[in-house]
Every structure is written in structure tokens, then in C-alpha cells.
């Protein structure tokens, strides 16, 4: 996503004439405008082929499940803290 944002920023700066990017011409610097988009395509292909995206999504779901389970245990008084208090008291 960052590569796409950088590419769009370069295009906006060029069209608006901002900074040194505003002085670039398409004839001599076309690769500089297209490189971030190409990098994004390569990155997405790599991430999808390695399964990194799916793994991150599954970790998020697992973390939510663990947090929900811990909250339910605390609400029922079955967590480790509650057991320690019962033993001491």
C-alpha cells in the first residue's frame, strides 16, 4: 500500500508542479513515476505467494478469539487471578 501511496504522491506533485518532482518530464523520468507501482505489484505477488497475508489475517482472528475467551473467563471468575484470590482468602 505504501508503494501505491508514494506513486500517487509523485504523480500529484508532478501535475501540481510541486518541488523537484514538478520539474521532471515524462520523457526522461517515466521510470521514476512507474517504479512505485511496479514495486507494489511485485510486493503483492510475493506476499500472496508466500501466504503472509492469510497468516496475518488468521493471527488477527486468533488474537481476537483469545481476548474474547480471556474476558469470558474473567467475567465468570475462572481466570488465574480469581483462582489465586480464592486460594489466599
C-alpha atoms as a PDB file:
ATOM      1  CA  UNK A   1       0.000   0.000   0.000  1.00  0.00           C
ATOM      2  CA  UNK A   2       2.874   2.339   0.747  1.00  0.00           C
ATOM      3  CA  UNK A   3       4.255   1.883  -2.760  1.00  0.00           C
ATOM      4  CA  UNK A   4       0.926   2.932  -4.273  1.00  0.00           C
ATOM      5  CA  UNK A   5       0.742   5.961  -1.969  1.00  0.00           C
ATOM      6  CA  UNK A   6       4.261   7.009  -2.969  1.00  0.00           C
ATOM      7  CA  UNK A   7       3.404   6.602  -6.655  1.00  0.00           C
ATOM      8  CA  UNK A   8       0.254   8.675  -6.336  1.00  0.00           C
ATOM      9  CA  UNK A   9       2.160  11.322  -4.369  1.00  0.00           C
ATOM     10  CA  UNK A  10       4.776  11.537  -7.123  1.00  0.00           C
ATOM     11  CA  UNK A  11       2.070  11.916  -9.767  1.00  0.00           C
ATOM     12  CA  UNK A  12       0.227  14.613  -7.803  1.00  0.00           C
ATOM     13  CA  UNK A  13       3.447  16.511  -7.158  1.00  0.00           C
ATOM     14  CA  UNK A  14       4.337  16.363 -10.864  1.00  0.00           C
ATOM     15  CA  UNK A  15       0.932  17.505 -12.083  1.00  0.00           C
ATOM     16  CA  UNK A  16       0.818  20.291  -9.493  1.00  0.00           C
ATOM     17  CA  UNK A  17       4.401  21.366 -10.203  1.00  0.00           C
ATOM     18  CA  UNK A  18       5.490  20.952  -6.588  1.00  0.00           C
ATOM     19  CA  UNK A  19       9.119  20.569  -5.564  1.00  0.00           C
ATOM     20  CA  UNK A  20      11.756  18.933  -7.695  1.00  0.00           C
ATOM     21  CA  UNK A  21       9.268  16.301  -8.870  1.00  0.00           C
ATOM     22  CA  UNK A  22       7.249  19.065 -10.528  1.00  0.00           C
ATOM     23  CA  UNK A  23      10.155  19.781 -12.872  1.00  0.00           C
ATOM     24  CA  UNK A  24      10.502  16.165 -14.034  1.00  0.00           C
ATOM     25  CA  UNK A  25       9.332  15.396 -17.542  1.00  0.00           C
ATOM     26  CA  UNK A  26       7.751  12.123 -18.589  1.00  0.00           C
ATOM     27  CA  UNK A  27      10.263  11.642 -21.376  1.00  0.00           C
ATOM     28  CA  UNK A  28      13.286  11.447 -19.109  1.00  0.00           C
ATOM     29  CA  UNK A  29      11.792  10.192 -15.817  1.00  0.00           C
ATOM     30  CA  UNK A  30       8.950   7.845 -16.809  1.00  0.00           C
ATOM     31  CA  UNK A  31      10.601   5.052 -14.808  1.00  0.00           C
ATOM     32  CA  UNK A  32      10.522   7.158 -11.624  1.00  0.00           C
ATOM     33  CA  UNK A  33       6.760   7.585 -11.927  1.00  0.00           C
ATOM     34  CA  UNK A  34       6.070   3.916 -12.686  1.00  0.00           C
ATOM     35  CA  UNK A  35       8.624   2.310 -10.322  1.00  0.00           C
ATOM     36  CA  UNK A  36       6.469   2.552  -7.153  1.00  0.00           C
ATOM     37  CA  UNK A  37       3.534   0.915  -8.932  1.00  0.00           C
ATOM     38  CA  UNK A  38       5.777  -1.847 -10.249  1.00  0.00           C
ATOM     39  CA  UNK A  39       7.183  -2.353  -6.746  1.00  0.00           C
ATOM     40  CA  UNK A  40       3.622  -2.637  -5.407  1.00  0.00           C
ATOM     41  CA  UNK A  41       2.792  -5.338  -7.945  1.00  0.00           C
ATOM     42  CA  UNK A  42       5.956  -7.277  -7.058  1.00  0.00           C
ATOM     43  CA  UNK A  43       5.263  -6.889  -3.327  1.00  0.00           C
ATOM     44  CA  UNK A  44       1.659  -8.103  -3.622  1.00  0.00           C
ATOM     45  CA  UNK A  45       2.719 -11.063  -5.745  1.00  0.00           C
ATOM     46  CA  UNK A  46       5.370 -12.024  -3.187  1.00  0.00           C
ATOM     47  CA  UNK A  47       3.077 -11.606  -0.195  1.00  0.00           C
ATOM     48  CA  UNK A  48       0.278 -13.594  -1.797  1.00  0.00           C
ATOM     49  CA  UNK A  49       2.565 -16.395  -2.966  1.00  0.00           C
ATOM     50  CA  UNK A  50       4.135 -16.835   0.483  1.00  0.00           C
ATOM     51  CA  UNK A  51       0.789 -16.786   2.290  1.00  0.00           C
ATOM     52  CA  UNK A  52       1.863 -13.896   4.506  1.00  0.00           C
ATOM     53  CA  UNK A  53      -1.431 -12.032   4.082  1.00  0.00           C
ATOM     54  CA  UNK A  54      -3.508 -15.058   5.033  1.00  0.00           C
ATOM     55  CA  UNK A  55      -1.264 -15.792   8.017  1.00  0.00           C
ATOM     56  CA  UNK A  56      -1.650 -12.225   9.307  1.00  0.00           C
ATOM     57  CA  UNK A  57      -5.425 -12.423   8.933  1.00  0.00           C
ATOM     58  CA  UNK A  58      -5.508 -15.725  10.808  1.00  0.00           C
ATOM     59  CA  UNK A  59      -3.325 -14.295  13.592  1.00  0.00           C
ATOM     60  CA  UNK A  60      -5.762 -11.394  13.975  1.00  0.00           C
ATOM     61  CA  UNK A  61      -8.692 -13.782  14.290  1.00  0.00           C
ATOM     62  CA  UNK A  62      -6.786 -15.921  16.801  1.00  0.00           C
ATOM     63  CA  UNK A  63      -5.858 -12.875  18.885  1.00  0.00           C
ATOM     64  CA  UNK A  64      -9.496 -11.740  18.976  1.00  0.00           C
ATOM     65  CA  UNK A  65     -10.586 -15.260  19.958  1.00  0.00           C
ATOM     66  CA  UNK A  66      -8.021 -15.415  22.782  1.00  0.00           C
ATOM     67  CA  UNK A  67      -9.012 -11.977  24.073  1.00  0.00           C
ATOM     68  CA  UNK A  68     -12.710 -12.903  23.980  1.00  0.00           C
ATOM     69  CA  UNK A  69     -12.028 -16.186  25.808  1.00  0.00           C
ATOM     70  CA  UNK A  70      -9.948 -14.408  28.463  1.00  0.00           C
ATOM     71  CA  UNK A  71     -12.683 -11.822  29.007  1.00  0.00           C
ATOM     72  CA  UNK A  72     -15.290 -14.557  29.416  1.00  0.00           C
ATOM     73  CA  UNK A  73     -13.077 -16.384  31.919  1.00  0.00           C
ATOM     74  CA  UNK A  74     -12.594 -13.186  33.888  1.00  0.00           C
ATOM     75  CA  UNK A  75     -16.328 -12.482  33.840  1.00  0.00           C
ATOM     76  CA  UNK A  76     -17.014 -15.991  35.159  1.00  0.00           C
ATOM     77  CA  UNK A  77     -14.263 -15.738  37.770  1.00  0.00           C
ATOM     78  CA  UNK A  78     -12.354 -18.673  36.323  1.00  0.00           C
ATOM     79  CA  UNK A  79      -9.137 -16.890  35.339  1.00  0.00           C
ATOM     80  CA  UNK A  80      -5.790 -17.279  37.124  1.00  0.00           C
ATOM     81  CA  UNK A  81      -6.211 -14.119  39.229  1.00  0.00           C
ATOM     82  CA  UNK A  82      -9.556 -15.243  40.580  1.00  0.00           C
ATOM     83  CA  UNK A  83      -8.176 -18.679  41.458  1.00  0.00           C
ATOM     84  CA  UNK A  84      -5.252 -17.112  43.350  1.00  0.00           C
ATOM     85  CA  UNK A  85      -7.634 -14.859  45.309  1.00  0.00           C
ATOM     86  CA  UNK A  86      -9.784 -17.844  46.249  1.00  0.00           C
ATOM     87  CA  UNK A  87      -6.729 -19.782  47.444  1.00  0.00           C
ATOM     88  CA  UNK A  88      -5.473 -16.874  49.559  1.00  0.00           C
ATOM     89  CA  UNK A  89      -8.832 -15.941  51.004  1.00  0.00           C
END
